[in-house]
Amino acid sequence: MKTINVYQCVLDKEIPLEYIGKVKYIGESFGIESLTNGGIYDVVYDETKTIKIVDDSKEDYIYDLVNPRPLDSSYPLPKISLFIES
């Protein structure tokens, strides 16, 4: 099992989380520290095995992998491209 260190603001430190792979976000950028068009992001499992994306804030958050946009649906439908690292 490969892990990467991910910052947790509540703890004010990095913790190791299980690394799954990377995704590329294609869609309108939103938020100050959320997802940016063309950005490549790490995907991890947290301690409860929930899949999360390490976004521009460098913290792990739950994003819908099919429709990753703000909850208020204020942006057009984007997409996430999954890819395999070599």
PDB file of N, CA and C in Angstrom:
ATOM      1  N   MET A   1       0.844  -1.174   0.000  1.00  0.00           N
ATOM      2  CA  MET A   1       0.000   0.000   0.000  1.00  0.00           C
ATOM      3  C   MET A   1       0.894   1.243   0.000  1.00  0.00           C
ATOM      4  N   LYS A   2       0.676   2.106  -0.982  1.00  0.00           N
ATOM      5  CA  LYS A   2       1.419   3.358  -1.064  1.00  0.00           C
ATOM      6  C   LYS A   2       0.640   4.437  -0.319  1.00  0.00           C
ATOM      7  N   THR A   3       1.344   5.284   0.421  1.00  0.00           N
ATOM      8  CA  THR A   3       0.704   6.393   1.112  1.00  0.00           C
ATOM      9  C   THR A   3       1.374   7.703   0.693  1.00  0.00           C
ATOM     10  N   ILE A   4       0.620   8.807   0.841  1.00  0.00           N
ATOM     11  CA  ILE A   4       1.181  10.135   0.671  1.00  0.00           C
ATOM     12  C   ILE A   4       0.762  10.961   1.882  1.00  0.00           C
ATOM     13  N   ASN A   5       1.544  11.950   2.225  1.00  0.00           N
ATOM     14  CA  ASN A   5       1.212  12.829   3.352  1.00  0.00           C
ATOM     15  C   ASN A   5       0.295  13.938   2.868  1.00  0.00           C
ATOM     16  N   VAL A   6      -0.813  14.124   3.582  1.00  0.00           N
ATOM     17  CA  VAL A   6      -1.817  15.122   3.228  1.00  0.00           C
ATOM     18  C   VAL A   6      -2.074  15.996   4.447  1.00  0.00           C
ATOM     19  N   TYR A   7      -2.049  17.302   4.234  1.00  0.00           N
ATOM     20  CA  TYR A   7      -2.237  18.260   5.329  1.00  0.00           C
ATOM     21  C   TYR A   7      -3.667  18.207   5.863  1.00  0.00           C
ATOM     22  N   GLN A   8      -3.791  18.304   7.168  1.00  0.00           N
ATOM     23  CA  GLN A   8      -5.078  18.360   7.857  1.00  0.00           C
ATOM     24  C   GLN A   8      -5.091  19.623   8.715  1.00  0.00           C
ATOM     25  N   CYS A   9      -5.897  20.620   8.345  1.00  0.00           N
ATOM     26  CA  CYS A   9      -5.890  21.891   9.087  1.00  0.00           C
ATOM     27  C   CYS A   9      -6.379  21.717  10.519  1.00  0.00           C
ATOM     28  N   VAL A  10      -7.288  20.797  10.753  1.00  0.00           N
ATOM     29  CA  VAL A  10      -7.802  20.575  12.111  1.00  0.00           C
ATOM     30  C   VAL A  10      -6.678  20.112  13.041  1.00  0.00           C
ATOM     31  N   LEU A  11      -5.761  19.319  12.504  1.00  0.00           N
ATOM     32  CA  LEU A  11      -4.637  18.814  13.303  1.00  0.00           C
ATOM     33  C   LEU A  11      -3.393  19.690  13.164  1.00  0.00           C
ATOM     34  N   ASP A  12      -3.392  20.578  12.157  1.00  0.00           N
ATOM     35  CA  ASP A  12      -2.248  21.423  11.815  1.00  0.00           C
ATOM     36  C   ASP A  12      -0.988  20.598  11.564  1.00  0.00           C
ATOM     37  N   LYS A  13      -1.183  19.503  10.830  1.00  0.00           N
ATOM     38  CA  LYS A  13      -0.050  18.665  10.438  1.00  0.00           C
ATOM     39  C   LYS A  13      -0.464  17.762   9.286  1.00  0.00           C
ATOM     40  N   GLU A  14       0.526  17.149   8.656  1.00  0.00           N
ATOM     41  CA  GLU A  14       0.261  16.183   7.591  1.00  0.00           C
ATOM     42  C   GLU A  14       0.105  14.794   8.199  1.00  0.00           C
ATOM     43  N   ILE A  15      -0.785  14.001   7.580  1.00  0.00           N
ATOM     44  CA  ILE A  15      -0.943  12.609   7.992  1.00  0.00           C
ATOM     45  C   ILE A  15      -0.844  11.733   6.742  1.00  0.00           C
ATOM     46  N   PRO A  16      -0.396  10.493   6.890  1.00  0.00           N
ATOM     47  CA  PRO A  16      -0.317   9.604   5.733  1.00  0.00           C
ATOM     48  C   PRO A  16      -1.699   9.051   5.386  1.00  0.00           C
ATOM     49  N   LEU A  17      -2.055   9.144   4.100  1.00  0.00           N
ATOM     50  CA  LEU A  17      -3.298   8.555   3.605  1.00  0.00           C
ATOM     51  C   LEU A  17      -2.972   7.635   2.445  1.00  0.00           C
ATOM     52  N   GLU A  18      -3.789   6.600   2.283  1.00  0.00           N
ATOM     53  CA  GLU A  18      -3.557   5.631   1.212  1.00  0.00           C
ATOM     54  C   GLU A  18      -3.766   6.276  -0.153  1.00  0.00           C
ATOM     55  N   TYR A  19      -2.759   6.170  -1.007  1.00  0.00           N
ATOM     56  CA  TYR A  19      -2.764   6.759  -2.344  1.00  0.00           C
ATOM     57  C   TYR A  19      -3.458   5.828  -3.326  1.00  0.00           C
ATOM     58  N   ILE A  20      -4.396   6.371  -4.109  1.00  0.00           N
ATOM     59  CA  ILE A  20      -5.099   5.584  -5.124  1.00  0.00           C
ATOM     60  C   ILE A  20      -4.556   5.886  -6.518  1.00  0.00           C
ATOM     61  N   GLY A  21      -4.383   7.158  -6.843  1.00  0.00           N
ATOM     62  CA  GLY A  21      -3.925   7.550  -8.173  1.00  0.00           C
ATOM     63  C   GLY A  21      -4.112   9.043  -8.374  1.00  0.00           C
ATOM     64  N   LYS A  22      -4.237   9.433  -9.629  1.00  0.00           N
ATOM     65  CA  LYS A  22      -4.403  10.849  -9.973  1.00  0.00           C
ATOM     66  C   LYS A  22      -5.601  11.023 -10.886  1.00  0.00           C
ATOM     67  N   VAL A  23      -6.169  12.227 -10.866  1.00  0.00           N
ATOM     68  CA  VAL A  23      -7.248  12.598 -11.774  1.00  0.00           C
ATOM     69  C   VAL A  23      -6.927  13.960 -12.363  1.00  0.00           C
ATOM     70  N   LYS A  24      -7.487  14.228 -13.536  1.00  0.00           N
ATOM     71  CA  LYS A  24      -7.368  15.540 -14.159  1.00  0.00           C
ATOM     72  C   LYS A  24      -8.760  16.148 -14.207  1.00  0.00           C
ATOM     73  N   TYR A  25      -8.890  17.365 -13.683  1.00  0.00           N
ATOM     74  CA  TYR A  25     -10.167  18.070 -13.673  1.00  0.00           C
ATOM     75  C   TYR A  25     -10.277  18.912 -14.936  1.00  0.00           C
ATOM     76  N   ILE A  26     -11.373  18.734 -15.672  1.00  0.00           N
ATOM     77  CA  ILE A  26     -11.631  19.516 -16.880  1.00  0.00           C
ATOM     78  C   ILE A  26     -12.984  20.181 -16.705  1.00  0.00           C
ATOM     79  N   GLY A  27     -12.971  21.469 -16.504  1.00  0.00           N
ATOM     80  CA  GLY A  27     -14.196  22.222 -16.271  1.00  0.00           C
ATOM     81  C   GLY A  27     -13.848  23.599 -15.752  1.00  0.00           C
ATOM     82  N   GLU A  28     -14.848  24.410 -15.517  1.00  0.00           N
ATOM     83  CA  GLU A  28     -14.616  25.755 -15.024  1.00  0.00           C
ATOM     84  C   GLU A  28     -14.017  25.703 -13.620  1.00  0.00           C
ATOM     85  N   SER A  29     -12.954  26.472 -13.415  1.00  0.00           N
ATOM     86  CA  SER A  29     -12.342  26.554 -12.094  1.00  0.00           C
ATOM     87  C   SER A  29     -13.353  27.148 -11.124  1.00  0.00           C
ATOM     88  N   PHE A  30     -13.338  26.674  -9.883  1.00  0.00           N
ATOM     89  CA  PHE A  30     -14.236  27.256  -8.883  1.00  0.00           C
ATOM     90  C   PHE A  30     -13.565  27.290  -7.528  1.00  0.00           C
ATOM     91  N   GLY A  31     -14.002  28.231  -6.720  1.00  0.00           N
ATOM     92  CA  GLY A  31     -13.449  28.385  -5.384  1.00  0.00           C
ATOM     93  C   GLY A  31     -12.021  28.907  -5.424  1.00  0.00           C
ATOM     94  N   ILE A  32     -11.579  29.423  -4.299  1.00  0.00           N
ATOM     95  CA  ILE A  32     -10.213  29.928  -4.210  1.00  0.00           C
ATOM     96  C   ILE A  32      -9.235  28.767  -4.125  1.00  0.00           C
ATOM     97  N   GLU A  33      -9.599  27.746  -3.380  1.00  0.00           N
ATOM     98  CA  GLU A  33      -8.730  26.580  -3.202  1.00  0.00           C
ATOM     99  C   GLU A  33      -9.535  25.305  -3.398  1.00  0.00           C
ATOM    100  N   SER A  34     -10.145  25.171  -4.560  1.00  0.00           N
ATOM    101  CA  SER A  34     -10.944  23.972  -4.853  1.00  0.00           C
ATOM    102  C   SER A  34     -10.320  23.231  -6.020  1.00  0.00           C
ATOM    103  N   LEU A  35     -10.971  23.261  -7.180  1.00  0.00           N
ATOM    104  CA  LEU A  35     -10.461  22.589  -8.370  1.00  0.00           C
ATOM    105  C   LEU A  35     -10.239  23.604  -9.478  1.00  0.00           C
ATOM    106  N   THR A  36      -9.140  23.469 -10.198  1.00  0.00           N
ATOM    107  CA  THR A  36      -8.760  24.374 -11.276  1.00  0.00           C
ATOM    108  C   THR A  36      -8.785  23.626 -12.595  1.00  0.00           C
ATOM    109  N   ASN A  37      -9.341  24.251 -13.623  1.00  0.00           N
ATOM    110  CA  ASN A  37      -9.388  23.641 -14.946  1.00  0.00           C
ATOM    111  C   ASN A  37      -7.992  23.177 -15.370  1.00  0.00           C
ATOM    112  N   GLY A  38      -7.894  21.921 -15.761  1.00  0.00           N
ATOM    113  CA  GLY A  38      -6.621  21.343 -16.194  1.00  0.00           C
ATOM    114  C   GLY A  38      -5.742  20.863 -15.062  1.00  0.00           C
ATOM    115  N   GLY A  39      -6.185  21.051 -13.821  1.00  0.00           N
ATOM    116  CA  GLY A  39      -5.389  20.633 -12.666  1.00  0.00           C
ATOM    117  C   GLY A  39      -5.340  19.125 -12.511  1.00  0.00           C
ATOM    118  N   ILE A  40      -4.207  18.635 -12.062  1.00  0.00           N
ATOM    119  CA  ILE A  40      -4.026  17.208 -11.811  1.00  0.00           C
ATOM    120  C   ILE A  40      -3.934  17.031 -10.298  1.00  0.00           C
ATOM    121  N   TYR A  41      -4.752  16.118  -9.790  1.00  0.00           N
ATOM    122  CA  TYR A  41      -4.921  15.977  -8.339  1.00  0.00           C
ATOM    123  C   TYR A  41      -4.731  14.538  -7.881  1.00  0.00           C
ATOM    124  N   ASP A  42      -4.169  14.388  -6.679  1.00  0.00           N
ATOM    125  CA  ASP A  42      -4.037  13.074  -6.058  1.00  0.00           C
ATOM    126  C   ASP A  42      -5.388  12.624  -5.522  1.00  0.00           C
ATOM    127  N   VAL A  43      -5.619  11.315  -5.592  1.00  0.00           N
ATOM    128  CA  VAL A  43      -6.827  10.703  -5.034  1.00  0.00           C
ATOM    129  C   VAL A  43      -6.370   9.756  -3.926  1.00  0.00           C
ATOM    130  N   VAL A  44      -7.048   9.847  -2.782  1.00  0.00           N
ATOM    131  CA  VAL A  44      -6.658   9.062  -1.613  1.00  0.00           C
ATOM    132  C   VAL A  44      -7.884   8.435  -0.955  1.00  0.00           C
ATOM    133  N   TYR A  45      -7.610   7.427  -0.126  1.00  0.00           N
ATOM    134  CA  TYR A  45      -8.606   6.921   0.818  1.00  0.00           C
ATOM    135  C   TYR A  45      -8.299   7.573   2.156  1.00  0.00           C
ATOM    136  N   ASP A  46      -9.333   8.039   2.860  1.00  0.00           N
ATOM    137  CA  ASP A  46      -9.085   8.512   4.223  1.00  0.00           C
ATOM    138  C   ASP A  46      -9.141   7.315   5.168  1.00  0.00           C
ATOM    139  N   GLU A  47      -9.079   7.591   6.460  1.00  0.00           N
ATOM    140  CA  GLU A  47      -9.028   6.502   7.447  1.00  0.00           C
ATOM    141  C   GLU A  47     -10.297   5.652   7.481  1.00  0.00           C
ATOM    142  N   THR A  48     -11.407   6.145   6.897  1.00  0.00           N
ATOM    143  CA  THR A  48     -12.652   5.359   6.839  1.00  0.00           C
ATOM    144  C   THR A  48     -12.874   4.743   5.459  1.00  0.00           C
ATOM    145  N   LYS A  49     -11.841   4.807   4.609  1.00  0.00           N
ATOM    146  CA  LYS A  49     -11.877   4.269   3.238  1.00  0.00           C
ATOM    147  C   LYS A  49     -12.798   5.076   2.319  1.00  0.00           C
ATOM    148  N   THR A  50     -13.041   6.341   2.663  1.00  0.00           N
ATOM    149  CA  THR A  50     -13.785   7.249   1.788  1.00  0.00           C
ATOM    150  C   THR A  50     -12.820   7.800   0.753  1.00  0.00           C
ATOM    151  N   ILE A  51     -13.230   7.797  -0.525  1.00  0.00           N
ATOM    152  CA  ILE A  51     -12.394   8.330  -1.591  1.00  0.00           C
ATOM    153  C   ILE A  51     -12.457   9.853  -1.560  1.00  0.00           C
ATOM    154  N   LYS A  52     -11.274  10.484  -1.577  1.00  0.00           N
ATOM    155  CA  LYS A  52     -11.190  11.950  -1.540  1.00  0.00           C
ATOM    156  C   LYS A  52     -10.153  12.442  -2.542  1.00  0.00           C
ATOM    157  N   ILE A  53     -10.309  13.706  -2.937  1.00  0.00           N
ATOM    158  CA  ILE A  53      -9.360  14.359  -3.832  1.00  0.00           C
ATOM    159  C   ILE A  53      -8.597  15.406  -3.034  1.00  0.00           C
ATOM    160  N   VAL A  54      -7.279  15.426  -3.198  1.00  0.00           N
ATOM    161  CA  VAL A  54      -6.453  16.452  -2.576  1.00  0.00           C
ATOM    162  C   VAL A  54      -6.479  17.649  -3.532  1.00  0.00           C
ATOM    163  N   ASP A  55      -7.245  18.681  -3.163  1.00  0.00           N
ATOM    164  CA  ASP A  55      -7.479  19.799  -4.087  1.00  0.00           C
ATOM    165  C   ASP A  55      -6.427  20.892  -3.926  1.00  0.00           C
ATOM    166  N   ASP A  56      -6.709  22.084  -4.470  1.00  0.00           N
ATOM    167  CA  ASP A  56      -5.744  23.185  -4.452  1.00  0.00           C
ATOM    168  C   ASP A  56      -5.379  23.649  -3.043  1.00  0.00           C
ATOM    169  N   SER A  57      -6.207  23.322  -2.055  1.00  0.00           N
ATOM    170  CA  SER A  57      -5.905  23.686  -0.668  1.00  0.00           C
ATOM    171  C   SER A  57      -4.851  22.753  -0.072  1.00  0.00           C
ATOM    172  N   LYS A  58      -4.525  21.676  -0.792  1.00  0.00           N
ATOM    173  CA  LYS A  58      -3.583  20.634  -0.349  1.00  0.00           C
ATOM    174  C   LYS A  58      -4.168  19.767   0.752  1.00  0.00           C
ATOM    175  N   GLU A  59      -5.492  19.871   0.954  1.00  0.00           N
ATOM    176  CA  GLU A  59      -6.186  18.995   1.894  1.00  0.00           C
ATOM    177  C   GLU A  59      -7.094  18.053   1.114  1.00  0.00           C
ATOM    178  N   ASP A  60      -7.540  16.975   1.755  1.00  0.00           N
ATOM    179  CA  ASP A  60      -8.404  15.995   1.094  1.00  0.00           C
ATOM    180  C   ASP A  60      -9.864  16.336   1.358  1.00  0.00           C
ATOM    181  N   TYR A  61     -10.645  16.322   0.283  1.00  0.00           N
ATOM    182  CA  TYR A  61     -12.077  16.606   0.370  1.00  0.00           C
ATOM    183  C   TYR A  61     -12.850  15.634  -0.495  1.00  0.00           C
ATOM    184  N   ILE A  62     -14.105  15.407  -0.120  1.00  0.00           N
ATOM    185  CA  ILE A  62     -14.984  14.553  -0.915  1.00  0.00           C
ATOM    186  C   ILE A  62     -15.505  15.373  -2.086  1.00  0.00           C
ATOM    187  N   TYR A  63     -15.274  14.886  -3.289  1.00  0.00           N
ATOM    188  CA  TYR A  63     -15.847  15.464  -4.507  1.00  0.00           C
ATOM    189  C   TYR A  63     -16.563  14.342  -5.237  1.00  0.00           C
ATOM    190  N   ASP A  64     -17.660  14.652  -5.863  1.00  0.00           N
ATOM    191  CA  ASP A  64     -18.348  13.692  -6.710  1.00  0.00           C
ATOM    192  C   ASP A  64     -17.452  13.425  -7.915  1.00  0.00           C
ATOM    193  N   LEU A  65     -17.024  12.192  -8.112  1.00  0.00           N
ATOM    194  CA  LEU A  65     -16.118  11.879  -9.212  1.00  0.00           C
ATOM    195  C   LEU A  65     -16.804  11.897 -10.575  1.00  0.00           C
ATOM    196  N   VAL A  66     -18.130  11.908 -10.602  1.00  0.00           N
ATOM    197  CA  VAL A  66     -18.864  11.990 -11.862  1.00  0.00           C
ATOM    198  C   VAL A  66     -19.218  13.436 -12.182  1.00  0.00           C
ATOM    199  N   ASN A  67     -19.530  14.221 -11.158  1.00  0.00           N
ATOM    200  CA  ASN A  67     -19.996  15.594 -11.339  1.00  0.00           C
ATOM    201  C   ASN A  67     -19.366  16.501 -10.277  1.00  0.00           C
ATOM    202  N   PRO A  68     -18.042  16.769 -10.384  1.00  0.00           N
ATOM    203  CA  PRO A  68     -17.345  17.518  -9.330  1.00  0.00           C
ATOM    204  C   PRO A  68     -17.521  19.026  -9.444  1.00  0.00           C
ATOM    205  N   ARG A  69     -18.608  19.547  -8.922  1.00  0.00           N
ATOM    206  CA  ARG A  69     -18.842  20.990  -8.976  1.00  0.00           C
ATOM    207  C   ARG A  69     -19.417  21.455  -7.647  1.00  0.00           C
ATOM    208  N   PRO A  70     -19.498  22.776  -7.441  1.00  0.00           N
ATOM    209  CA  PRO A  70     -20.036  23.271  -6.173  1.00  0.00           C
ATOM    210  C   PRO A  70     -21.451  22.744  -5.909  1.00  0.00           C
ATOM    211  N   LEU A  71     -21.803  22.619  -4.659  1.00  0.00           N
ATOM    212  CA  LEU A  71     -23.106  22.077  -4.290  1.00  0.00           C
ATOM    213  C   LEU A  71     -24.271  22.906  -4.805  1.00  0.00           C
ATOM    214  N   ASP A  72     -24.055  24.207  -5.038  1.00  0.00           N
ATOM    215  CA  ASP A  72     -25.150  25.040  -5.529  1.00  0.00           C
ATOM    216  C   ASP A  72     -25.363  24.921  -7.041  1.00  0.00           C
ATOM    217  N   SER A  73     -24.592  24.030  -7.697  1.00  0.00           N
ATOM    218  CA  SER A  73     -24.714  23.774  -9.139  1.00  0.00           C
ATOM    219  C   SER A  73     -24.570  25.045  -9.975  1.00  0.00           C
ATOM    220  N   SER A  74     -23.753  25.978  -9.521  1.00  0.00           N
ATOM    221  CA  SER A  74     -23.608  27.261 -10.196  1.00  0.00           C
ATOM    222  C   SER A  74     -22.657  27.223 -11.387  1.00  0.00           C
ATOM    223  N   TYR A  75     -22.057  26.072 -11.673  1.00  0.00           N
ATOM    224  CA  TYR A  75     -21.135  25.951 -12.793  1.00  0.00           C
ATOM    225  C   TYR A  75     -21.633  24.875 -13.747  1.00  0.00           C
ATOM    226  N   PRO A  76     -21.265  24.987 -15.042  1.00  0.00           N
ATOM    227  CA  PRO A  76     -21.651  23.937 -15.999  1.00  0.00           C
ATOM    228  C   PRO A  76     -21.036  22.595 -15.612  1.00  0.00           C
ATOM    229  N   LEU A  77     -21.603  21.524 -16.133  1.00  0.00           N
ATOM    230  CA  LEU A  77     -21.099  20.191 -15.814  1.00  0.00           C
ATOM    231  C   LEU A  77     -19.659  20.019 -16.281  1.00  0.00           C
ATOM    232  N   PRO A  78     -18.746  19.727 -15.358  1.00  0.00           N
ATOM    233  CA  PRO A  78     -17.359  19.447 -15.721  1.00  0.00           C
ATOM    234  C   PRO A  78     -17.151  17.949 -15.840  1.00  0.00           C
ATOM    235  N   LYS A  79     -15.917  17.520 -15.969  1.00  0.00           N
ATOM    236  CA  LYS A  79     -15.624  16.090 -15.924  1.00  0.00           C
ATOM    237  C   LYS A  79     -14.282  15.874 -15.266  1.00  0.00           C
ATOM    238  N   ILE A  80     -14.093  14.675 -14.798  1.00  0.00           N
ATOM    239  CA  ILE A  80     -12.818  14.266 -14.212  1.00  0.00           C
ATOM    240  C   ILE A  80     -12.300  13.138 -15.081  1.00  0.00           C
ATOM    241  N   SER A  81     -11.059  13.252 -15.508  1.00  0.00           N
ATOM    242  CA  SER A  81     -10.420  12.197 -16.287  1.00  0.00           C
ATOM    243  C   SER A  81      -9.510  11.405 -15.382  1.00  0.00           C
ATOM    244  N   LEU A  82      -9.779  10.132 -15.271  1.00  0.00           N
ATOM    245  CA  LEU A  82      -8.916   9.251 -14.486  1.00  0.00           C
ATOM    246  C   LEU A  82      -7.772   8.794 -15.374  1.00  0.00           C
ATOM    247  N   PHE A  83      -6.584   8.733 -14.840  1.00  0.00           N
ATOM    248  CA  PHE A  83      -5.476   8.198 -15.616  1.00  0.00           C
ATOM    249  C   PHE A  83      -4.534   7.434 -14.717  1.00  0.00           C
ATOM    250  N   ILE A  84      -3.769   6.569 -15.353  1.00  0.00           N
ATOM    251  CA  ILE A  84      -2.853   5.694 -14.639  1.00  0.00           C
ATOM    252  C   ILE A  84      -1.464   6.291 -14.710  1.00  0.00           C
ATOM    253  N   GLU A  85      -0.788   6.299 -13.581  1.00  0.00           N
ATOM    254  CA  GLU A  85       0.590   6.767 -13.555  1.00  0.00           C
ATOM    255  C   GLU A  85       1.503   5.662 -14.056  1.00  0.00           C
ATOM    256  N   SER A  86       2.580   6.060 -14.706  1.00  0.00           N
ATOM    257  CA  SER A  86       3.558   5.048 -15.127  1.00  0.00           C
ATOM    258  C   SER A  86       4.752   5.040 -14.205  1.00  0.00           C
TER     259      SER A  86
END
